[in-house]
Amino acid sequence: MLLQIADDFIASAVTAAYQLARHRKSSTLEVKDVQLHLERQWNMWIPGFGSEEIRPYKKACTTEAHKQRMALIRKTTKK
């Protein structure tokens, strides 16, 4: 069962990477094609194959409700 899931994942990743390579008019499949697919579709990064672009760390924006809860917590812990 797990082997079948892994095979399907690899097949779909290679197919999508092949389509990306074809889109950039290349006859060879490169790591950057697989990397782009995994980053965009699965939010996965291949260790050891960093891209040239620097990905900034995205800080989660805090909502107003969260700010109010944190203020209430700080207020009660000060007492």
PDB file of N, CA and C in Angstrom:
ATOM      1  N   MET A   1       0.824  -1.191   0.000  1.00  0.00           N
ATOM      2  CA  MET A   1       0.000   0.000   0.000  1.00  0.00           C
ATOM      3  C   MET A   1       0.875   1.264   0.000  1.00  0.00           C
ATOM      4  N   LEU A   2       1.826   1.319   0.932  1.00  0.00           N
ATOM      5  CA  LEU A   2       2.708   2.483   1.014  1.00  0.00           C
ATOM      6  C   LEU A   2       3.581   2.598  -0.231  1.00  0.00           C
ATOM      7  N   LEU A   3       4.004   1.464  -0.749  1.00  0.00           N
ATOM      8  CA  LEU A   3       4.816   1.455  -1.963  1.00  0.00           C
ATOM      9  C   LEU A   3       4.027   1.997  -3.148  1.00  0.00           C
ATOM     10  N   GLN A   4       2.755   1.666  -3.225  1.00  0.00           N
ATOM     11  CA  GLN A   4       1.900   2.157  -4.311  1.00  0.00           C
ATOM     12  C   GLN A   4       1.732   3.675  -4.217  1.00  0.00           C
ATOM     13  N   ILE A   5       1.550   4.182  -3.005  1.00  0.00           N
ATOM     14  CA  ILE A   5       1.410   5.631  -2.813  1.00  0.00           C
ATOM     15  C   ILE A   5       2.695   6.343  -3.224  1.00  0.00           C
ATOM     16  N   ALA A   6       3.835   5.789  -2.827  1.00  0.00           N
ATOM     17  CA  ALA A   6       5.122   6.386  -3.193  1.00  0.00           C
ATOM     18  C   ALA A   6       5.324   6.351  -4.703  1.00  0.00           C
ATOM     19  N   ASP A   7       4.964   5.238  -5.337  1.00  0.00           N
ATOM     20  CA  ASP A   7       5.091   5.140  -6.794  1.00  0.00           C
ATOM     21  C   ASP A   7       4.211   6.168  -7.498  1.00  0.00           C
ATOM     22  N   ASP A   8       2.981   6.339  -7.023  1.00  0.00           N
ATOM     23  CA  ASP A   8       2.076   7.325  -7.618  1.00  0.00           C
ATOM     24  C   ASP A   8       2.606   8.744  -7.439  1.00  0.00           C
ATOM     25  N   PHE A   9       3.154   9.030  -6.254  1.00  0.00           N
ATOM     26  CA  PHE A   9       3.712  10.356  -5.991  1.00  0.00           C
ATOM     27  C   PHE A   9       4.885  10.644  -6.919  1.00  0.00           C
ATOM     28  N   ILE A  10       5.776   9.687  -7.056  1.00  0.00           N
ATOM     29  CA  ILE A  10       6.947   9.865  -7.922  1.00  0.00           C
ATOM     30  C   ILE A  10       6.518  10.021  -9.372  1.00  0.00           C
ATOM     31  N   ALA A  11       5.570   9.206  -9.799  1.00  0.00           N
ATOM     32  CA  ALA A  11       5.101   9.290 -11.184  1.00  0.00           C
ATOM     33  C   ALA A  11       4.465  10.647 -11.468  1.00  0.00           C
ATOM     34  N   SER A  12       3.644  11.137 -10.553  1.00  0.00           N
ATOM     35  CA  SER A  12       3.006  12.436 -10.780  1.00  0.00           C
ATOM     36  C   SER A  12       4.023  13.573 -10.731  1.00  0.00           C
ATOM     37  N   ALA A  13       5.018  13.472  -9.829  1.00  0.00           N
ATOM     38  CA  ALA A  13       6.044  14.515  -9.739  1.00  0.00           C
ATOM     39  C   ALA A  13       6.900  14.550 -10.999  1.00  0.00           C
ATOM     40  N   VAL A  14       7.266  13.383 -11.504  1.00  0.00           N
ATOM     41  CA  VAL A  14       8.088  13.335 -12.716  1.00  0.00           C
ATOM     42  C   VAL A  14       7.293  13.822 -13.922  1.00  0.00           C
ATOM     43  N   THR A  15       6.017  13.461 -13.991  1.00  0.00           N
ATOM     44  CA  THR A  15       5.181  13.919 -15.102  1.00  0.00           C
ATOM     45  C   THR A  15       5.051  15.442 -15.095  1.00  0.00           C
ATOM     46  N   ALA A  16       4.792  16.009 -13.932  1.00  0.00           N
ATOM     47  CA  ALA A  16       4.668  17.464 -13.834  1.00  0.00           C
ATOM     48  C   ALA A  16       6.001  18.147 -14.126  1.00  0.00           C
ATOM     49  N   ALA A  17       7.099  17.576 -13.654  1.00  0.00           N
ATOM     50  CA  ALA A  17       8.422  18.149 -13.920  1.00  0.00           C
ATOM     51  C   ALA A  17       8.746  18.066 -15.408  1.00  0.00           C
ATOM     52  N   TYR A  18       8.347  16.979 -16.045  1.00  0.00           N
ATOM     53  CA  TYR A  18       8.553  16.842 -17.490  1.00  0.00           C
ATOM     54  C   TYR A  18       7.784  17.920 -18.244  1.00  0.00           C
ATOM     55  N   GLN A  19       6.566  18.196 -17.815  1.00  0.00           N
ATOM     56  CA  GLN A  19       5.781  19.245 -18.466  1.00  0.00           C
ATOM     57  C   GLN A  19       6.430  20.613 -18.277  1.00  0.00           C
ATOM     58  N   LEU A  20       7.020  20.844 -17.111  1.00  0.00           N
ATOM     59  CA  LEU A  20       7.739  22.103 -16.893  1.00  0.00           C
ATOM     60  C   LEU A  20       8.961  22.204 -17.796  1.00  0.00           C
ATOM     61  N   ALA A  21       9.687  21.095 -17.950  1.00  0.00           N
ATOM     62  CA  ALA A  21      10.862  21.090 -18.827  1.00  0.00           C
ATOM     63  C   ALA A  21      10.439  21.335 -20.270  1.00  0.00           C
ATOM     64  N   ARG A  22       9.350  20.714 -20.660  1.00  0.00           N
ATOM     65  CA  ARG A  22       8.853  20.911 -22.023  1.00  0.00           C
ATOM     66  C   ARG A  22       8.410  22.355 -22.234  1.00  0.00           C
ATOM     67  N   HIS A  23       7.829  22.955 -21.190  1.00  0.00           N
ATOM     68  CA  HIS A  23       7.376  24.336 -21.281  1.00  0.00           C
ATOM     69  C   HIS A  23       8.546  25.292 -21.509  1.00  0.00           C
ATOM     70  N   ARG A  24       9.681  25.001 -20.903  1.00  0.00           N
ATOM     71  CA  ARG A  24      10.851  25.861 -21.119  1.00  0.00           C
ATOM     72  C   ARG A  24      11.676  25.398 -22.311  1.00  0.00           C
ATOM     73  N   LYS A  25      11.075  24.539 -23.128  1.00  0.00           N
ATOM     74  CA  LYS A  25      11.651  24.079 -24.399  1.00  0.00           C
ATOM     75  C   LYS A  25      12.986  23.362 -24.212  1.00  0.00           C
ATOM     76  N   SER A  26      13.025  22.468 -23.232  1.00  0.00           N
ATOM     77  CA  SER A  26      14.219  21.678 -22.974  1.00  0.00           C
ATOM     78  C   SER A  26      13.913  20.217 -23.257  1.00  0.00           C
ATOM     79  N   SER A  27      14.921  19.511 -23.730  1.00  0.00           N
ATOM     80  CA  SER A  27      14.737  18.086 -24.003  1.00  0.00           C
ATOM     81  C   SER A  27      15.180  17.226 -22.824  1.00  0.00           C
ATOM     82  N   THR A  28      15.737  17.855 -21.789  1.00  0.00           N
ATOM     83  CA  THR A  28      16.184  17.093 -20.623  1.00  0.00           C
ATOM     84  C   THR A  28      15.455  17.563 -19.371  1.00  0.00           C
ATOM     85  N   LEU A  29      15.220  16.628 -18.492  1.00  0.00           N
ATOM     86  CA  LEU A  29      14.600  16.916 -17.209  1.00  0.00           C
ATOM     87  C   LEU A  29      15.706  17.270 -16.219  1.00  0.00           C
ATOM     88  N   GLU A  30      15.593  18.426 -15.590  1.00  0.00           N
ATOM     89  CA  GLU A  30      16.619  18.872 -14.654  1.00  0.00           C
ATOM     90  C   GLU A  30      16.055  18.935 -13.241  1.00  0.00           C
ATOM     91  N   VAL A  31      16.962  19.037 -12.287  1.00  0.00           N
ATOM     92  CA  VAL A  31      16.566  19.087 -10.879  1.00  0.00           C
ATOM     93  C   VAL A  31      15.663  20.284 -10.628  1.00  0.00           C
ATOM     94  N   LYS A  32      15.931  21.387 -11.302  1.00  0.00           N
ATOM     95  CA  LYS A  32      15.134  22.583 -11.056  1.00  0.00           C
ATOM     96  C   LYS A  32      13.679  22.398 -11.469  1.00  0.00           C
ATOM     97  N   ASP A  33      13.407  21.497 -12.431  1.00  0.00           N
ATOM     98  CA  ASP A  33      12.031  21.214 -12.820  1.00  0.00           C
ATOM     99  C   ASP A  33      11.298  20.475 -11.704  1.00  0.00           C
ATOM    100  N   VAL A  34      11.951  19.460 -11.167  1.00  0.00           N
ATOM    101  CA  VAL A  34      11.357  18.704 -10.057  1.00  0.00           C
ATOM    102  C   VAL A  34      11.226  19.605  -8.838  1.00  0.00           C
ATOM    103  N   GLN A  35      12.250  20.401  -8.605  1.00  0.00           N
ATOM    104  CA  GLN A  35      12.265  21.302  -7.456  1.00  0.00           C
ATOM    105  C   GLN A  35      11.108  22.299  -7.531  1.00  0.00           C
ATOM    106  N   LEU A  36      10.892  22.871  -8.696  1.00  0.00           N
ATOM    107  CA  LEU A  36       9.819  23.847  -8.855  1.00  0.00           C
ATOM    108  C   LEU A  36       8.459  23.207  -8.594  1.00  0.00           C
ATOM    109  N   HIS A  37       8.264  22.013  -9.136  1.00  0.00           N
ATOM    110  CA  HIS A  37       6.989  21.323  -8.913  1.00  0.00           C
ATOM    111  C   HIS A  37       6.774  21.024  -7.432  1.00  0.00           C
ATOM    112  N   LEU A  38       7.788  20.503  -6.770  1.00  0.00           N
ATOM    113  CA  LEU A  38       7.637  20.150  -5.357  1.00  0.00           C
ATOM    114  C   LEU A  38       7.418  21.381  -4.485  1.00  0.00           C
ATOM    115  N   GLU A  39       8.083  22.484  -4.827  1.00  0.00           N
ATOM    116  CA  GLU A  39       7.901  23.712  -4.050  1.00  0.00           C
ATOM    117  C   GLU A  39       6.501  24.273  -4.221  1.00  0.00           C
ATOM    118  N   ARG A  40       6.031  24.299  -5.468  1.00  0.00           N
ATOM    119  CA  ARG A  40       4.740  24.929  -5.740  1.00  0.00           C
ATOM    120  C   ARG A  40       3.554  24.049  -5.350  1.00  0.00           C
ATOM    121  N   GLN A  41       3.623  22.772  -5.633  1.00  0.00           N
ATOM    122  CA  GLN A  41       2.484  21.894  -5.394  1.00  0.00           C
ATOM    123  C   GLN A  41       2.452  21.305  -3.993  1.00  0.00           C
ATOM    124  N   TRP A  42       3.611  20.960  -3.465  1.00  0.00           N
ATOM    125  CA  TRP A  42       3.659  20.223  -2.208  1.00  0.00           C
ATOM    126  C   TRP A  42       4.330  21.000  -1.079  1.00  0.00           C
ATOM    127  N   ASN A  43       4.811  22.205  -1.354  1.00  0.00           N
ATOM    128  CA  ASN A  43       5.510  23.020  -0.356  1.00  0.00           C
ATOM    129  C   ASN A  43       6.680  22.239   0.250  1.00  0.00           C
ATOM    130  N   MET A  44       7.431  21.564  -0.614  1.00  0.00           N
ATOM    131  CA  MET A  44       8.582  20.759  -0.195  1.00  0.00           C
ATOM    132  C   MET A  44       9.840  21.332  -0.830  1.00  0.00           C
ATOM    133  N   TRP A  45      10.956  21.259  -0.113  1.00  0.00           N
ATOM    134  CA  TRP A  45      12.234  21.705  -0.642  1.00  0.00           C
ATOM    135  C   TRP A  45      13.199  20.540  -0.626  1.00  0.00           C
ATOM    136  N   ILE A  46      13.997  20.424  -1.673  1.00  0.00           N
ATOM    137  CA  ILE A  46      14.973  19.348  -1.769  1.00  0.00           C
ATOM    138  C   ILE A  46      16.236  19.801  -1.046  1.00  0.00           C
ATOM    139  N   PRO A  47      16.644  19.115   0.023  1.00  0.00           N
ATOM    140  CA  PRO A  47      17.860  19.520   0.730  1.00  0.00           C
ATOM    141  C   PRO A  47      19.091  19.348  -0.154  1.00  0.00           C
ATOM    142  N   GLY A  48      19.970  20.326  -0.107  1.00  0.00           N
ATOM    143  CA  GLY A  48      21.201  20.249  -0.884  1.00  0.00           C
ATOM    144  C   GLY A  48      21.084  20.827  -2.275  1.00  0.00           C
ATOM    145  N   PHE A  49      19.874  21.145  -2.704  1.00  0.00           N
ATOM    146  CA  PHE A  49      19.678  21.722  -4.027  1.00  0.00           C
ATOM    147  C   PHE A  49      18.956  23.050  -3.877  1.00  0.00           C
ATOM    148  N   GLY A  50      19.602  23.999  -3.220  1.00  0.00           N
ATOM    149  CA  GLY A  50      18.996  25.301  -2.995  1.00  0.00           C
ATOM    150  C   GLY A  50      18.880  26.082  -4.287  1.00  0.00           C
ATOM    151  N   SER A  51      17.864  26.888  -4.340  1.00  0.00           N
ATOM    152  CA  SER A  51      17.691  27.720  -5.524  1.00  0.00           C
ATOM    153  C   SER A  51      18.485  29.009  -5.357  1.00  0.00           C
ATOM    154  N   GLU A  52      18.635  29.731  -6.443  1.00  0.00           N
ATOM    155  CA  GLU A  52      19.411  30.966  -6.421  1.00  0.00           C
ATOM    156  C   GLU A  52      18.679  32.066  -5.660  1.00  0.00           C
ATOM    157  N   GLU A  53      17.351  31.998  -5.671  1.00  0.00           N
ATOM    158  CA  GLU A  53      16.590  33.033  -4.993  1.00  0.00           C
ATOM    159  C   GLU A  53      16.607  32.791  -3.489  1.00  0.00           C
ATOM    160  N   ILE A  54      16.582  33.872  -2.750  1.00  0.00           N
ATOM    161  CA  ILE A  54      16.544  33.772  -1.296  1.00  0.00           C
ATOM    162  C   ILE A  54      15.083  33.858  -0.880  1.00  0.00           C
ATOM    163  N   ARG A  55      14.615  32.822  -0.193  1.00  0.00           N
ATOM    164  CA  ARG A  55      13.233  32.813   0.237  1.00  0.00           C
ATOM    165  C   ARG A  55      13.135  33.506   1.595  1.00  0.00           C
ATOM    166  N   PRO A  56      12.420  34.605   1.659  1.00  0.00           N
ATOM    167  CA  PRO A  56      12.290  35.272   2.951  1.00  0.00           C
ATOM    168  C   PRO A  56      11.387  34.458   3.872  1.00  0.00           C
ATOM    169  N   TYR A  57      11.695  34.521   5.152  1.00  0.00           N
ATOM    170  CA  TYR A  57      10.863  33.847   6.138  1.00  0.00           C
ATOM    171  C   TYR A  57       9.566  34.620   6.267  1.00  0.00           C
ATOM    172  N   LYS A  58       8.471  33.937   6.091  1.00  0.00           N
ATOM    173  CA  LYS A  58       7.178  34.603   6.184  1.00  0.00           C
ATOM    174  C   LYS A  58       6.697  34.568   7.627  1.00  0.00           C
ATOM    175  N   LYS A  59       6.619  35.743   8.223  1.00  0.00           N
ATOM    176  CA  LYS A  59       6.103  35.828   9.577  1.00  0.00           C
ATOM    177  C   LYS A  59       4.581  35.880   9.482  1.00  0.00           C
ATOM    178  N   ALA A  60       3.942  35.043  10.241  1.00  0.00           N
ATOM    179  CA  ALA A  60       2.483  35.003  10.214  1.00  0.00           C
ATOM    180  C   ALA A  60       1.936  36.316  10.754  1.00  0.00           C
ATOM    181  N   CYS A  61       0.986  36.862  10.041  1.00  0.00           N
ATOM    182  CA  CYS A  61       0.408  38.115  10.507  1.00  0.00           C
ATOM    183  C   CYS A  61      -0.535  37.807  11.663  1.00  0.00           C
ATOM    184  N   THR A  62      -0.465  38.640  12.673  1.00  0.00           N
ATOM    185  CA  THR A  62      -1.300  38.425  13.849  1.00  0.00           C
ATOM    186  C   THR A  62      -2.618  39.159  13.664  1.00  0.00           C
ATOM    187  N   THR A  63      -3.672  38.477  14.004  1.00  0.00           N
ATOM    188  CA  THR A  63      -4.991  39.078  13.877  1.00  0.00           C
ATOM    189  C   THR A  63      -5.288  39.928  15.102  1.00  0.00           C
ATOM    190  N   GLU A  64      -6.310  40.725  14.987  1.00  0.00           N
ATOM    191  CA  GLU A  64      -6.691  41.596  16.095  1.00  0.00           C
ATOM    192  C   GLU A  64      -7.159  40.769  17.294  1.00  0.00           C
ATOM    193  N   ALA A  65      -7.844  39.676  17.032  1.00  0.00           N
ATOM    194  CA  ALA A  65      -8.308  38.813  18.127  1.00  0.00           C
ATOM    195  C   ALA A  65      -7.119  38.227  18.888  1.00  0.00           C
ATOM    196  N   HIS A  66      -6.076  37.840  18.167  1.00  0.00           N
ATOM    197  CA  HIS A  66      -4.885  37.293  18.817  1.00  0.00           C
ATOM    198  C   HIS A  66      -4.206  38.361  19.672  1.00  0.00           C
ATOM    199  N   LYS A  67      -4.118  39.567  19.152  1.00  0.00           N
ATOM    200  CA  LYS A  67      -3.505  40.661  19.913  1.00  0.00           C
ATOM    201  C   LYS A  67      -4.279  40.923  21.204  1.00  0.00           C
ATOM    202  N   GLN A  68      -5.611  40.874  21.121  1.00  0.00           N
ATOM    203  CA  GLN A  68      -6.425  41.104  22.313  1.00  0.00           C
ATOM    204  C   GLN A  68      -6.229  39.988  23.339  1.00  0.00           C
ATOM    205  N   ARG A  69      -6.167  38.739  22.871  1.00  0.00           N
ATOM    206  CA  ARG A  69      -5.941  37.618  23.790  1.00  0.00           C
ATOM    207  C   ARG A  69      -4.585  37.739  24.469  1.00  0.00           C
ATOM    208  N   MET A  70      -3.562  38.080  23.697  1.00  0.00           N
ATOM    209  CA  MET A  70      -2.219  38.214  24.268  1.00  0.00           C
ATOM    210  C   MET A  70      -2.164  39.361  25.271  1.00  0.00           C
ATOM    211  N   ALA A  71      -2.847  40.467  24.981  1.00  0.00           N
ATOM    212  CA  ALA A  71      -2.886  41.591  25.920  1.00  0.00           C
ATOM    213  C   ALA A  71      -3.581  41.182  27.215  1.00  0.00           C
ATOM    214  N   LEU A  72      -4.646  40.406  27.101  1.00  0.00           N
ATOM    215  CA  LEU A  72      -5.353  39.930  28.286  1.00  0.00           C
ATOM    216  C   LEU A  72      -4.473  38.985  29.102  1.00  0.00           C
ATOM    217  N   ILE A  73      -3.742  38.123  28.442  1.00  0.00           N
ATOM    218  CA  ILE A  73      -2.835  37.198  29.135  1.00  0.00           C
ATOM    219  C   ILE A  73      -1.738  37.969  29.850  1.00  0.00           C
ATOM    220  N   ARG A  74      -1.152  38.951  29.175  1.00  0.00           N
ATOM    221  CA  ARG A  74      -0.096  39.754  29.798  1.00  0.00           C
ATOM    222  C   ARG A  74      -0.627  40.521  31.014  1.00  0.00           C
ATOM    223  N   LYS A  75      -1.850  41.028  30.867  1.00  0.00           N
ATOM    224  CA  LYS A  75      -2.453  41.800  31.948  1.00  0.00           C
ATOM    225  C   LYS A  75      -2.695  40.920  33.171  1.00  0.00           C
ATOM    226  N   THR A  76      -3.186  39.698  32.953  1.00  0.00           N
ATOM    227  CA  THR A  76      -3.483  38.814  34.088  1.00  0.00           C
ATOM    228  C   THR A  76      -2.219  38.245  34.716  1.00  0.00           C
ATOM    229  N   THR A  77      -1.156  38.067  33.940  1.00  0.00           N
ATOM    230  CA  THR A  77       0.076  37.523  34.515  1.00  0.00           C
ATOM    231  C   THR A  77       0.842  38.572  35.310  1.00  0.00           C
ATOM    232  N   LYS A  78       0.610  39.855  35.059  1.00  0.00           N
ATOM    233  CA  LYS A  78       1.287  40.919  35.806  1.00  0.00           C
ATOM    234  C   LYS A  78       0.755  41.031  37.228  1.00  0.00           C
ATOM    235  N   LYS A  79      -0.478  40.620  37.455  1.00  0.00           N
ATOM    236  CA  LYS A  79      -1.095  40.769  38.787  1.00  0.00           C
ATOM    237  C   LYS A  79      -0.571  39.789  39.767  1.00  0.00           C
TER     238      LYS A  79
END
